[in-house]
């Protein structure tokens, strides 16, 4: 994306990835401090765009897939907890999965209503 911006005369554009896997503290948009930081940056005009995908911890293509490289006891990825028919989560999930669904639903809704 930075290359596309530069080829269109926008050399000051920087692409930033917010991901809890990359940085547990500043990649966690669920933290109020992080939300305030980015909201202030948006209101100050420092953010010109936002691109988001579905939350990978509950929408991952790895869920339910078999990985033959893993030991036989753990060859399958985490179980599927969302489907197209059950976008907000399946009815029979564990407490841990329910918390994952809730956190990612709140994240997704926050993105949908950011301006």
Protein backbone atom coordinates (compact mmCIF):
# COMPACT_ATOMS: atom_id res chain seq x y z
CA UNK A 1 0.00 0.00 0.00
CA UNK A 2 2.90 2.34 0.72
CA UNK A 3 4.19 1.75 -2.82
CA UNK A 4 0.78 2.54 -4.31
CA UNK A 5 0.58 5.74 -2.25
CA UNK A 6 4.10 6.80 -3.27
CA UNK A 7 3.35 6.15 -6.97
CA UNK A 8 0.40 8.55 -6.60
CA UNK A 9 2.41 11.35 -5.01
CA UNK A 10 1.59 10.51 -1.39
CA UNK A 11 5.08 9.84 -0.01
CA UNK A 12 4.02 10.58 3.58
CA UNK A 13 1.58 7.65 3.74
CA UNK A 14 2.55 4.94 6.21
CA UNK A 15 0.69 1.66 6.55
CA UNK A 16 0.33 0.46 10.14
CA UNK A 17 -0.89 -2.97 11.15
CA UNK A 18 -2.73 -3.20 14.46
CA UNK A 19 -2.45 -6.79 15.50
CA UNK A 20 -2.25 -8.32 18.95
CA UNK A 21 0.13 -10.94 17.55
CA UNK A 22 2.61 -8.22 16.54
CA UNK A 23 2.29 -6.16 19.74
CA UNK A 24 0.17 -7.31 22.70
CA UNK A 25 -0.09 -3.80 24.15
CA UNK A 26 -0.43 -1.40 21.17
CA UNK A 27 -1.88 -3.96 18.79
CA UNK A 28 -4.83 -4.57 21.11
CA UNK A 29 -7.60 -2.25 19.89
CA UNK A 30 -9.71 -3.55 22.78
CA UNK A 31 -7.60 -1.45 25.19
CA UNK A 32 -9.15 1.92 25.98
CA UNK A 33 -5.75 3.65 25.80
CA UNK A 34 -5.21 2.34 22.26
CA UNK A 35 -8.71 3.36 21.19
CA UNK A 36 -8.19 6.90 22.54
CA UNK A 37 -4.80 7.16 20.80
CA UNK A 38 -6.23 6.21 17.40
CA UNK A 39 -9.41 8.23 17.81
CA UNK A 40 -7.28 11.32 18.57
CA UNK A 41 -5.11 10.58 15.51
CA UNK A 42 -8.23 10.27 13.35
CA UNK A 43 -9.73 13.51 14.70
CA UNK A 44 -6.39 15.30 14.14
CA UNK A 45 -6.47 14.23 10.48
CA UNK A 46 -3.42 11.98 10.83
CA UNK A 47 -5.33 8.92 9.63
CA UNK A 48 -6.67 9.05 6.08
CA UNK A 49 -8.07 5.56 5.83
CA UNK A 50 -8.83 2.34 7.62
CA UNK A 51 -8.90 -1.16 6.20
CA UNK A 52 -10.00 -4.06 8.31
CA UNK A 53 -10.64 -7.71 7.83
CA UNK A 54 -12.67 -10.06 9.97
CA UNK A 55 -11.20 -10.86 13.38
CA UNK A 56 -8.89 -13.79 12.72
CA UNK A 57 -9.19 -15.39 16.15
CA UNK A 58 -12.81 -16.28 15.41
CA UNK A 59 -12.94 -16.22 11.59
CA UNK A 60 -9.63 -17.91 10.77
CA UNK A 61 -9.51 -20.28 7.82
CA UNK A 62 -7.30 -22.48 10.04
CA UNK A 63 -10.27 -23.35 12.25
CA UNK A 64 -11.30 -26.96 11.74
CA UNK A 65 -8.53 -27.69 9.23
CA UNK A 66 -6.20 -30.67 9.50
CA UNK A 67 -2.45 -29.96 9.57
CA UNK A 68 -0.49 -33.15 8.90
CA UNK A 69 2.71 -31.45 10.12
CA UNK A 70 1.40 -31.36 13.69
CA UNK A 71 1.62 -34.31 16.10
CA UNK A 72 -1.32 -36.67 15.63
CA UNK A 73 -2.98 -35.60 18.89
CA UNK A 74 -3.14 -31.97 17.69
CA UNK A 75 -3.53 -32.28 13.93
CA UNK A 76 -6.71 -30.25 13.79
CA UNK A 77 -6.90 -26.47 14.20
CA UNK A 78 -9.27 -24.85 16.71
CA UNK A 79 -12.89 -25.79 16.19
CA UNK A 80 -15.17 -23.62 14.08
CA UNK A 81 -17.21 -21.19 16.19
CA UNK A 82 -18.68 -18.94 13.44
CA UNK A 83 -20.33 -19.74 10.14
CA UNK A 84 -22.00 -17.69 7.43
CA UNK A 85 -25.34 -18.75 8.88
CA UNK A 86 -24.24 -17.87 12.43
CA UNK A 87 -22.21 -14.68 11.96
CA UNK A 88 -22.33 -13.72 15.65
CA UNK A 89 -21.21 -17.18 16.74
CA UNK A 90 -22.53 -20.68 17.08
CA UNK A 91 -24.86 -21.49 19.96
CA UNK A 92 -22.85 -24.33 21.48
CA UNK A 93 -19.49 -22.81 22.38
CA UNK A 94 -17.29 -23.00 25.45
CA UNK A 95 -16.92 -20.06 27.85
CA UNK A 96 -13.48 -19.30 26.38
CA UNK A 97 -14.92 -19.32 22.85
CA UNK A 98 -17.85 -17.17 23.97
CA UNK A 99 -15.41 -14.58 25.34
CA UNK A 100 -13.45 -14.67 22.06
CA UNK A 101 -16.67 -14.14 20.12
CA UNK A 102 -17.73 -11.28 22.38
CA UNK A 103 -14.38 -9.50 22.16
CA UNK A 104 -14.23 -9.81 18.40
CA UNK A 105 -17.89 -8.79 17.98
CA UNK A 106 -17.18 -5.62 20.01
CA UNK A 107 -14.06 -4.96 17.93
CA UNK A 108 -15.95 -5.46 14.67
CA UNK A 109 -18.82 -3.20 15.79
CA UNK A 110 -16.37 -0.50 16.91
CA UNK A 111 -14.78 -0.53 13.44
CA UNK A 112 -18.16 -0.37 11.76
CA UNK A 113 -19.10 2.80 13.64
CA UNK A 114 -15.76 4.65 13.50
CA UNK A 115 -15.86 7.69 11.25
